[in-house]
Amino acid sequence: VAVIGGGPSGLMAAITASKNGAKTILLEKGNKLGRKLAISGGGRCNVTNRLPEDELIEHIPGNGRFLYSAFSIFNNERIIQYFESLGVALKEVDKGRVFPVSNSANQVVQVLIQEIQKQKGEIRKETPVEAIDYQINNEPHTIILKDRNKIQAKAIIIASGGKSVPQTGSTGDGYAWAKKAGHTITDLYPTEVP
Protein backbone atom coordinates (compact mmCIF):
# COMPACT_ATOMS: atom_id res chain seq x y z
CA VAL A 1 0.00 0.00 0.00
CA ALA A 2 1.36 3.41 -0.97
CA VAL A 3 0.03 6.40 0.97
CA ILE A 4 0.55 9.76 -0.69
CA GLY A 5 0.63 12.57 1.85
CA GLY A 6 2.13 12.83 5.32
CA GLY A 7 -0.59 14.80 7.07
CA PRO A 8 -2.94 13.43 9.74
CA SER A 9 -4.96 11.34 7.27
CA GLY A 10 -1.86 9.93 5.60
CA LEU A 11 -0.22 9.11 8.92
CA MET A 12 -3.36 7.33 10.16
CA ALA A 13 -3.80 5.51 6.84
CA ALA A 14 -0.19 4.26 6.91
CA ILE A 15 -0.60 3.05 10.49
CA THR A 16 -3.85 1.25 9.67
CA ALA A 17 -2.53 -0.38 6.49
CA SER A 18 0.60 -1.56 8.30
CA LYS A 19 -1.40 -2.88 11.27
CA ASN A 20 -3.51 -4.87 8.83
CA GLY A 21 -0.46 -6.62 7.43
CA ALA A 22 0.27 -4.57 4.32
CA LYS A 23 3.79 -3.64 3.34
CA THR A 24 3.31 0.13 3.52
CA ILE A 25 5.16 3.14 2.17
CA LEU A 26 4.25 6.74 3.05
CA LEU A 27 5.31 9.37 0.49
CA GLU A 28 5.52 13.00 1.62
CA LYS A 29 6.64 15.71 -0.80
CA GLY A 30 7.89 18.02 1.95
CA ASN A 31 10.66 17.61 4.48
CA LYS A 32 8.33 17.33 7.47
CA LEU A 33 5.38 15.13 8.40
CA GLY A 34 2.17 16.41 9.98
CA ARG A 35 2.76 20.08 9.17
CA LYS A 36 -0.90 21.10 9.39
CA LEU A 37 -1.39 18.96 12.48
CA ALA A 38 1.59 20.69 14.12
CA ILE A 39 -0.05 24.10 13.73
CA SER A 40 -3.59 22.99 14.64
CA GLY A 41 -5.15 24.45 17.75
CA GLY A 42 -2.55 27.22 17.81
CA GLY A 43 0.22 24.62 18.11
CA ARG A 44 -1.60 22.76 20.89
CA CYS A 45 -3.42 20.28 18.56
CA ASN A 46 -7.18 20.17 18.92
CA VAL A 47 -7.31 16.34 18.69
CA THR A 48 -11.10 16.07 18.58
CA ASN A 49 -14.28 17.35 20.18
CA ARG A 50 -16.28 15.48 22.79
CA LEU A 51 -19.66 16.91 21.79
CA PRO A 52 -22.36 14.37 20.86
CA GLU A 53 -22.17 13.21 17.21
CA ASP A 54 -25.40 14.98 16.22
CA GLU A 55 -24.04 18.30 17.49
CA LEU A 56 -20.71 17.82 15.71
CA ILE A 57 -22.42 16.99 12.43
CA GLU A 58 -24.75 19.98 12.79
CA HIS A 59 -21.69 22.28 12.70
CA ILE A 60 -20.19 20.80 9.51
CA PRO A 61 -20.68 23.16 6.54
CA GLY A 62 -22.78 21.67 3.75
CA ASN A 63 -24.03 18.13 4.19
CA GLY A 64 -22.37 16.84 7.34
CA ARG A 65 -24.60 13.76 7.39
CA PHE A 66 -21.98 11.91 5.35
CA LEU A 67 -20.01 11.62 8.60
CA TYR A 68 -22.51 9.24 10.23
CA SER A 69 -21.05 6.23 8.39
CA ALA A 70 -17.47 7.22 9.27
CA PHE A 71 -18.42 7.84 12.90
CA SER A 72 -19.99 4.39 13.09
CA ILE A 73 -16.47 3.00 12.62
CA PHE A 74 -14.20 5.60 14.24
CA ASN A 75 -15.86 8.41 16.19
CA ASN A 76 -14.57 11.09 18.57
CA GLU A 77 -14.58 8.77 21.59
CA ARG A 78 -12.55 6.18 19.68
CA ILE A 79 -10.07 8.91 18.69
CA ILE A 80 -9.62 9.75 22.37
CA GLN A 81 -9.13 6.07 23.28
CA TYR A 82 -6.68 5.64 20.40
CA PHE A 83 -4.39 8.50 21.39
CA GLU A 84 -4.52 7.58 25.06
CA SER A 85 -3.52 4.01 24.11
CA LEU A 86 -0.45 5.51 22.40
CA GLY A 87 0.47 7.31 25.62
CA VAL A 88 -0.88 10.78 24.82
CA ALA A 89 -2.68 12.09 27.91
CA LEU A 90 -5.65 14.23 26.86
CA LYS A 91 -7.75 16.94 28.51
CA GLU A 92 -11.12 18.42 27.68
CA VAL A 93 -11.44 22.19 27.65
CA ASP A 94 -14.27 24.61 26.78
CA LYS A 95 -17.04 23.47 24.41
CA GLY A 96 -15.81 19.86 24.40
CA ARG A 97 -12.49 20.54 22.68
CA VAL A 98 -9.86 17.88 23.45
CA PHE A 99 -6.13 18.70 23.58
CA PRO A 100 -3.01 16.86 24.74
CA VAL A 101 -2.22 17.62 28.39
CA SER A 102 1.23 18.66 27.14
CA ASN A 103 -0.38 21.32 24.89
CA SER A 104 2.03 20.09 22.21
CA ALA A 105 0.83 19.30 18.70
CA ASN A 106 4.35 18.03 18.05
CA GLN A 107 3.83 15.29 20.63
CA VAL A 108 0.85 14.01 18.62
CA VAL A 109 2.81 14.11 15.35
CA GLN A 110 5.76 12.26 16.90
CA VAL A 111 3.53 9.55 18.39
CA LEU A 112 1.98 8.89 14.96
CA ILE A 113 5.39 8.71 13.28
CA GLN A 114 6.64 6.32 15.97
CA GLU A 115 3.58 4.13 15.45
CA ILE A 116 4.28 3.86 11.70
CA GLN A 117 7.88 2.89 12.48
CA LYS A 118 6.73 0.39 15.12
CA GLN A 119 4.45 -1.20 12.50
CA LYS A 120 7.45 -1.41 10.09
CA GLY A 121 5.98 1.12 7.63
CA GLU A 122 8.45 2.92 5.40
CA ILE A 123 8.46 6.73 5.37
CA ARG A 124 9.95 8.77 2.55
CA LYS A 125 10.06 12.54 2.91
CA GLU A 126 11.02 14.93 0.11
CA THR A 127 9.45 12.48 -2.35
CA PRO A 128 6.98 14.41 -4.52
CA VAL A 129 4.68 12.42 -6.79
CA GLU A 130 4.43 13.49 -10.44
CA ALA A 131 1.71 11.11 -11.68
CA ILE A 132 -0.02 7.80 -11.10
CA ASP A 133 -0.44 5.13 -13.77
CA TYR A 134 -3.47 3.07 -12.70
CA GLN A 135 -3.78 -0.53 -13.84
CA ILE A 136 -6.71 -2.92 -14.09
CA ASN A 137 -6.99 -6.68 -13.65
CA ASN A 138 -5.27 -6.68 -10.26
CA GLU A 139 -1.97 -5.49 -11.71
CA PRO A 140 0.10 -3.13 -9.52
CA HIS A 141 -0.30 0.60 -10.06
CA THR A 142 2.76 2.72 -10.81
CA ILE A 143 3.53 5.92 -8.93
CA ILE A 144 5.87 8.14 -10.92
CA LEU A 145 7.95 10.41 -8.72
CA LYS A 146 9.20 13.87 -9.74
CA ASP A 147 12.75 12.47 -9.88
CA ARG A 148 11.40 9.94 -12.47
CA ASN A 149 11.81 6.94 -10.14
CA LYS A 150 8.80 4.64 -9.93
CA ILE A 151 7.05 2.78 -7.11
CA GLN A 152 4.73 -0.17 -7.66
CA ALA A 153 1.73 -0.60 -5.35
CA LYS A 154 -1.33 -2.86 -5.29
CA ALA A 155 -3.29 -0.10 -3.54
CA ILE A 156 -2.88 3.67 -3.33
CA ILE A 157 -4.35 5.95 -0.68
CA ILE A 158 -4.40 9.58 -1.74
CA ALA A 159 -4.18 11.64 1.45
CA SER A 160 -2.56 14.72 -0.04
CA GLY A 161 -5.07 17.19 1.40
CA GLY A 162 -7.01 19.91 -0.32
CA LYS A 163 -5.86 23.42 -1.16
CA SER A 164 -6.42 25.00 2.23
CA VAL A 165 -2.90 25.82 3.44
CA PRO A 166 -0.46 25.66 0.50
CA GLN A 167 2.56 26.51 2.67
CA THR A 168 2.02 23.18 4.50
CA GLY A 169 1.93 21.23 1.23
CA SER A 170 -1.85 21.30 0.66
CA THR A 171 -1.72 22.40 -2.96
CA GLY A 172 -4.51 20.23 -4.39
CA ASP A 173 -2.26 17.72 -6.16
CA GLY A 174 -4.51 14.80 -5.27
CA TYR A 175 -7.57 16.07 -7.14
CA ALA A 176 -6.13 15.18 -10.57
CA TRP A 177 -4.98 11.75 -9.33
CA ALA A 178 -8.41 11.00 -7.86
CA LYS A 179 -10.15 12.15 -11.06
CA LYS A 180 -7.86 9.94 -13.16
CA ALA A 181 -8.88 7.00 -10.94
CA GLY A 182 -12.53 7.68 -11.83
CA HIS A 183 -13.66 9.78 -8.88
CA THR A 184 -15.85 12.85 -9.36
CA ILE A 185 -14.38 16.14 -8.20
CA THR A 186 -17.01 18.72 -7.29
CA ASP A 187 -16.51 22.48 -7.41
CA LEU A 188 -14.00 23.54 -4.77
CA TYR A 189 -14.73 26.31 -2.28
CA PRO A 190 -13.49 27.23 1.22
CA THR A 191 -15.73 26.06 4.08
CA GLU A 192 -13.99 26.59 7.40
CA VAL A 193 -13.21 30.29 7.13
CA PRO A 194 -14.86 33.39 8.58
Foldseek 3Di string as FASTA:
>chain_A
DEEEAQAPVSLVVLLVCLVVPDQYEYEAQAPDGHPVLCPPPNRQGQQDFPDPPVVVLVPAPDRSVVCVVVCVPANPVNSQVVVVVLVFDWDADPRRGITGPVSHSVVVSVSSVVSSVVSVHHYDYSWAWDAKADDDPQFWIWTQTPVRDIDTHSDYHYPQADCDDVVSRRNHPCVVRCVVVPDDDDDDDDDPDD
